[in-house]
Protein backbone atom coordinates (compact mmCIF):
# COMPACT_ATOMS: atom_id res chain seq x y z
CA MET A 1 0.00 0.00 0.00
CA LEU A 2 1.37 3.39 -0.98
CA GLY A 3 1.97 5.90 1.80
CA PRO A 4 1.40 9.68 1.58
CA ARG A 5 4.98 10.35 0.43
CA ALA A 6 4.81 7.75 -2.34
CA LEU A 7 1.44 9.04 -3.50
CA GLY A 8 2.75 12.58 -3.52
CA ARG A 9 5.80 11.65 -5.54
CA ALA A 10 3.64 9.65 -7.95
CA ALA A 11 1.54 12.77 -8.52
CA LEU A 12 4.67 14.86 -9.06
CA GLU A 13 5.99 12.25 -11.51
CA ARG A 14 2.69 12.28 -13.40
CA GLN A 15 2.91 16.08 -13.61
CA LEU A 16 6.55 15.94 -14.85
CA LEU A 17 7.70 17.83 -11.77
CA LEU A 18 10.37 15.48 -10.36
CA ARG A 19 12.82 16.01 -13.19
CA ARG A 20 12.92 17.73 -16.56
CA ALA A 21 11.60 15.40 -19.24
CA GLY A 22 12.95 14.86 -22.73
CA LEU A 23 9.53 15.29 -24.33
CA THR A 24 8.56 17.71 -27.07
CA VAL A 25 6.25 20.59 -26.15
CA LEU A 26 3.31 18.92 -27.89
CA GLN A 27 3.98 15.59 -26.16
CA ALA A 28 4.19 17.27 -22.76
CA ILE A 29 0.91 19.17 -23.17
CA GLU A 30 -0.86 16.01 -24.31
CA HIS A 31 0.67 14.05 -21.43
CA LEU A 32 -0.61 16.63 -18.92
CA ALA A 33 -4.04 16.75 -20.59
CA GLY A 34 -4.30 20.46 -19.87
CA MET A 35 -2.23 23.27 -18.35
CA GLN A 36 -3.65 26.19 -16.39
CA SER A 37 -3.58 29.18 -18.73
CA GLN A 38 -5.88 31.76 -17.19
CA ALA A 39 -2.79 33.98 -17.31
CA PRO A 40 -1.56 33.65 -20.92
CA GLN A 41 2.13 33.42 -19.97
CA ALA A 42 1.68 30.72 -17.32
CA PRO A 43 2.26 27.76 -19.69
CA TYR A 44 5.65 29.15 -20.69
CA ALA A 45 6.87 28.95 -17.09
CA GLY A 46 5.11 25.62 -16.62
CA LEU A 47 6.82 24.05 -19.60
CA TRP A 48 10.21 25.55 -18.75
CA THR A 49 10.08 23.81 -15.36
CA ARG A 50 9.14 20.49 -16.93
CA LEU A 51 11.14 20.11 -20.14
CA ALA A 52 14.86 19.63 -20.65
CA SER A 53 15.11 21.87 -23.71
CA PHE A 54 12.19 24.27 -23.86
CA ARG A 55 12.23 27.47 -25.89
CA PRO A 56 9.30 29.94 -25.85
CA GLU A 57 9.10 30.06 -29.64
CA GLN A 58 8.28 26.34 -29.70
CA LEU A 59 5.02 26.93 -27.85
CA ALA A 60 4.34 30.14 -29.77
CA THR A 61 4.63 28.24 -33.06
CA LEU A 62 2.27 25.49 -31.92
CA MET A 63 -0.32 28.07 -30.90
CA THR A 64 0.06 30.02 -34.15
CA GLU A 65 -0.50 26.78 -36.07
CA ARG A 66 -3.47 25.95 -33.78
CA ALA A 67 -1.86 22.64 -32.79
CA VAL A 68 -2.50 23.74 -29.19
CA VAL A 69 -5.25 26.08 -28.04
CA ARG A 70 -6.48 27.94 -24.94
CA GLY A 71 -10.12 27.56 -24.01
CA HIS A 72 -12.59 27.21 -21.13
CA LEU A 73 -12.53 23.65 -19.79
CA MET A 74 -11.92 22.46 -16.23
CA ARG A 75 -13.62 24.61 -13.58
CA ASN A 76 -14.60 27.01 -16.38
CA THR A 77 -11.07 28.42 -16.37
CA VAL A 78 -8.83 28.76 -19.41
CA HIS A 79 -6.58 25.76 -20.02
CA LEU A 80 -3.95 25.07 -22.65
CA VAL A 81 -4.56 21.75 -24.42
CA THR A 82 -3.78 20.14 -27.74
CA ALA A 83 -6.31 20.86 -30.46
CA ARG A 84 -7.17 17.16 -30.55
CA ASP A 85 -7.91 17.06 -26.84
CA PHE A 86 -9.98 20.25 -27.01
CA LEU A 87 -12.15 18.78 -29.76
CA ALA A 88 -12.58 15.55 -27.82
CA ALA A 89 -13.13 17.08 -24.37
CA ARG A 90 -15.01 20.32 -24.92
CA GLU A 91 -18.45 18.79 -25.30
CA LEU A 92 -17.92 16.81 -22.08
CA TYR A 93 -17.74 20.09 -20.20
CA ASP A 94 -20.80 21.64 -21.87
CA PRO A 95 -23.18 20.80 -18.98
CA VAL A 96 -20.72 22.15 -16.40
CA LEU A 97 -20.06 25.36 -18.31
CA ALA A 98 -23.77 25.87 -18.94
CA LYS A 99 -24.54 25.43 -15.23
CA ILE A 100 -21.79 27.85 -14.22
CA PHE A 101 -22.99 30.44 -16.71
CA ALA A 102 -26.63 30.01 -15.62
CA SER A 103 -25.67 30.90 -12.04
CA SER A 104 -23.68 33.98 -13.06
CA GLY A 105 -24.65 37.63 -13.10
CA PHE A 106 -24.28 37.58 -16.88
CA ALA A 107 -27.14 35.08 -17.17
CA ARG A 108 -29.29 37.15 -14.80
CA ASN A 109 -28.71 40.16 -17.06
CA LEU A 110 -30.10 38.10 -19.95
CA ALA A 111 -33.19 36.78 -18.15
CA GLY A 112 -35.99 36.17 -20.64
CA VAL A 113 -33.67 36.15 -23.67
CA ASP A 114 -33.77 33.11 -25.96
CA LEU A 115 -30.07 32.27 -26.06
CA GLU A 116 -30.16 30.07 -29.17
CA PRO A 117 -30.41 33.03 -31.60
CA VAL A 118 -27.70 34.82 -29.59
CA LEU A 119 -25.35 31.84 -29.88
CA ALA A 120 -26.10 31.46 -33.59
CA ALA A 121 -25.28 35.13 -34.15
CA GLY A 122 -22.07 34.72 -32.16
CA ARG A 123 -21.00 31.74 -34.23
CA GLU A 124 -21.51 33.77 -37.37
CA LEU A 125 -19.46 36.67 -35.99
CA LEU A 126 -16.54 34.46 -34.96
CA ALA A 127 -16.49 32.17 -37.98
CA GLY A 128 -14.67 34.77 -40.05
CA ARG A 129 -12.01 36.25 -37.77
CA PRO A 130 -11.03 36.75 -34.13
CA ARG A 131 -12.84 39.40 -32.10
CA THR A 132 -12.52 40.78 -28.60
CA ARG A 133 -15.28 40.31 -26.06
CA ALA A 134 -15.96 44.04 -26.24
CA GLU A 135 -16.37 43.81 -30.01
CA ILE A 136 -18.60 40.74 -29.76
CA GLY A 137 -20.78 42.53 -27.21
CA ARG A 138 -21.05 45.68 -29.28
CA LEU A 139 -22.06 43.79 -32.42
CA LEU A 140 -24.55 41.55 -30.63
CA GLY A 141 -25.99 44.52 -28.74
CA ALA A 142 -27.32 45.91 -32.01
CA GLY A 143 -29.57 42.86 -32.32
CA TRP A 144 -30.64 42.83 -28.67
CA PRO A 145 -31.01 46.49 -27.70
CA GLY A 146 -31.44 47.15 -24.01
CA ARG A 147 -29.44 44.06 -23.04
CA ASP A 148 -25.99 44.24 -21.46
CA PRO A 149 -23.47 43.83 -24.32
CA ILE A 150 -20.79 42.22 -22.14
CA SER A 151 -23.28 39.65 -20.86
CA LEU A 152 -24.14 38.78 -24.47
CA ALA A 153 -20.44 38.35 -25.20
CA TYR A 154 -19.91 36.14 -22.15
CA ALA A 155 -22.74 33.89 -23.30
CA ILE A 156 -20.78 33.25 -26.49
CA THR A 157 -17.37 32.74 -24.92
CA HIS A 158 -18.71 30.38 -22.25
CA LEU A 159 -21.38 28.40 -24.07
CA GLU A 160 -19.74 28.04 -27.48
CA PRO A 161 -16.52 26.07 -28.18
CA VAL A 162 -14.25 29.05 -28.78
CA VAL A 163 -10.58 29.47 -27.97
CA GLN A 164 -8.38 32.44 -27.25
CA VAL A 165 -5.85 33.65 -29.75
CA PRO A 166 -2.52 32.84 -28.09
CA ALA A 167 -0.12 35.07 -26.25
CA ARG A 168 3.68 35.18 -26.20
CA PRO A 169 5.96 37.00 -23.76
CA GLY A 170 7.13 40.32 -25.11
CA ARG A 171 4.39 40.70 -27.71
CA SER A 172 0.97 42.23 -27.32
CA ILE A 173 -1.70 43.43 -29.67
CA SER A 174 -3.61 46.63 -29.30
CA PRO A 175 -7.35 45.97 -28.87
CA ALA A 176 -7.84 48.56 -31.59
CA GLN A 177 -6.07 46.37 -34.18
CA PRO A 178 -7.83 42.97 -34.29
CA GLU A 179 -7.93 42.76 -38.10
CA ARG A 180 -4.25 43.54 -38.49
CA ALA A 181 -3.46 41.09 -35.71
CA ALA A 182 -5.43 38.30 -37.32
CA GLN A 183 -3.87 38.88 -40.70
CA LYS A 184 -0.32 38.78 -39.37
CA LYS A 185 -1.08 35.98 -36.88
CA LEU A 186 0.63 37.97 -34.16
CA LEU A 187 0.44 36.52 -30.69
CA GLY A 188 -1.23 38.28 -27.82
CA GLY A 189 -4.40 40.05 -26.78
CA SER A 190 -7.68 38.34 -25.88
CA TYR A 191 -9.28 37.59 -29.23
CA TRP A 192 -11.51 34.62 -29.78
CA TYR A 193 -12.31 32.51 -32.78
CA PHE A 194 -14.86 29.79 -33.29
CA VAL A 195 -13.84 26.14 -33.21
CA LYS A 196 -16.38 23.58 -34.35
CA THR A 197 -16.18 20.52 -32.14
CA ALA A 198 -15.92 17.12 -33.75
CA ARG A 199 -18.34 14.57 -32.34
CA ALA A 200 -16.34 11.62 -33.68
CA VAL A 201 -12.89 12.50 -32.33
CA ALA A 202 -11.17 9.39 -31.02
CA ARG A 203 -10.90 9.27 -27.24
CA ARG A 204 -7.59 8.49 -25.57
CA ASN A 205 -6.39 7.51 -22.14
CA PHE A 206 -3.57 9.12 -20.18
CA PRO A 207 -0.19 7.47 -20.91
CA GLY A 208 -0.11 5.80 -17.49
CA SER A 209 -3.79 4.91 -17.32
CA PRO A 210 -4.64 1.31 -16.37
CA PHE A 211 -7.49 1.59 -18.88
CA ASN A 212 -5.21 1.85 -21.88
CA ASN A 213 -5.88 -0.69 -24.58
CA LEU A 214 -3.06 -3.07 -23.87
CA PRO A 215 -1.90 -5.35 -26.69
CA GLU A 216 -3.20 -8.85 -26.59
CA PRO A 217 -0.66 -11.18 -24.97
CA VAL A 218 1.25 -13.24 -27.48
CA ARG A 219 0.04 -16.81 -27.24
CA GLN A 220 2.80 -19.38 -27.54
CA VAL A 221 1.88 -21.87 -30.23
CA GLU A 222 1.96 -25.35 -28.78
CA GLN A 223 4.31 -27.82 -30.46
CA TYR A 224 2.93 -31.31 -31.10
CA SER A 225 4.63 -34.63 -31.75
CA LEU A 226 3.44 -38.01 -32.95
CA HIS A 227 1.44 -39.96 -30.37
CA ASP A 228 0.73 -36.88 -28.20
CA ARG A 229 -2.58 -37.26 -26.38
CA VAL A 230 -4.81 -34.21 -26.82
CA THR A 231 -8.31 -32.92 -26.21
CA HIS A 232 -10.27 -30.70 -28.56
CA ASP A 233 -13.18 -28.43 -27.55
CA LYS A 234 -15.37 -29.92 -30.29
CA TYR A 235 -14.04 -33.39 -31.06
CA GLY A 236 -12.95 -34.54 -27.62
CA LEU A 237 -10.02 -36.86 -26.83
CA GLY A 238 -7.58 -37.87 -29.53
CA VAL A 239 -4.05 -38.87 -30.49
CA VAL A 240 -1.71 -37.04 -32.88
CA ILE A 241 -0.98 -39.27 -35.87
CA GLY A 242 0.54 -36.68 -38.22
CA VAL A 243 2.48 -33.40 -37.91
CA GLU A 244 2.98 -30.63 -40.46
CA GLU A 245 5.60 -28.43 -38.77
CA GLU A 246 4.07 -25.08 -37.62
CA VAL A 247 1.13 -25.60 -39.98
CA ALA A 248 -1.23 -28.34 -38.81
CA VAL A 249 -1.60 -31.67 -37.03
CA LEU A 250 -3.67 -34.73 -37.98
CA ILE A 251 -5.52 -36.21 -35.03
CA ASP A 252 -7.35 -39.51 -34.61
CA PHE A 253 -10.39 -38.89 -32.42
CA GLY A 254 -11.48 -42.52 -32.51
CA THR A 255 -14.58 -42.13 -34.63
CA GLN A 256 -13.00 -39.65 -37.04
CA ARG A 257 -9.77 -38.02 -38.09
CA GLU A 258 -9.40 -34.25 -38.31
CA ARG A 259 -6.70 -31.91 -39.57
CA ILE A 260 -6.36 -29.05 -37.04
CA THR A 261 -4.48 -25.94 -38.19
CA SER A 262 -2.19 -23.64 -36.19
CA PRO A 263 -2.49 -21.85 -33.75
CA TYR A 264 -4.61 -24.67 -32.32
CA SER A 265 -6.76 -22.36 -30.18
CA LYS A 266 -9.25 -25.14 -29.30
CA LEU A 267 -6.66 -27.90 -28.86
CA THR A 268 -4.92 -28.79 -25.59
CA LYS A 269 -2.06 -31.21 -25.01
CA LEU A 270 -2.63 -33.66 -22.15
């Protein structure tokens, strides 16, 4: 039985915090299944502490290429995950995120509003290019006059599978320049763009999970010789009267003779 110290060290090992690992940035993020990224620069420090040869531009490139993304997941906070994991996991958190939003002041500000048309309008706005929450709210406010624009924007960024445009230390984007930022794929700011979740994304287990699909054990093929006594699941007791090396055996079952081929899954030597 593992004691508290062993359990603690196992958790640190799982989190790559006992020693710097020789993984790539993408491998590490997938191994961790999510890194806290409420503060955009946090993953840079997190990866630097975990990886033997980490450079900030490696993560920046992955985010620019959308191989990794930042979005609302666990506890409704922003996490950095691989794009594959975001697509697979985001819908699992939909009920949680919806419940959290429903209990917020933003939802109370939208009491009586049918949210489906709001979400549809938000998807249309974000399908083309990134936008700030302020911009989303301003544009949606035109369709729902008298409603709090920021609350409309929060409905989109919490209830729809959107991700934040990434950030990199030393670079920022003026909120007044979203179009220029999107065109140049600069890193920084708090823009959002729409990501359509894939319902058929293959699920995966953590690398150390006991639920991983382990390979079937290799079954040693039994070797038979003349006159070996055997039993067969269908034909019963018999005696080997012929052997074709690694191919088949001929067996006399008393009332009939049968040629049984390798790997002899229903045949047992007595």
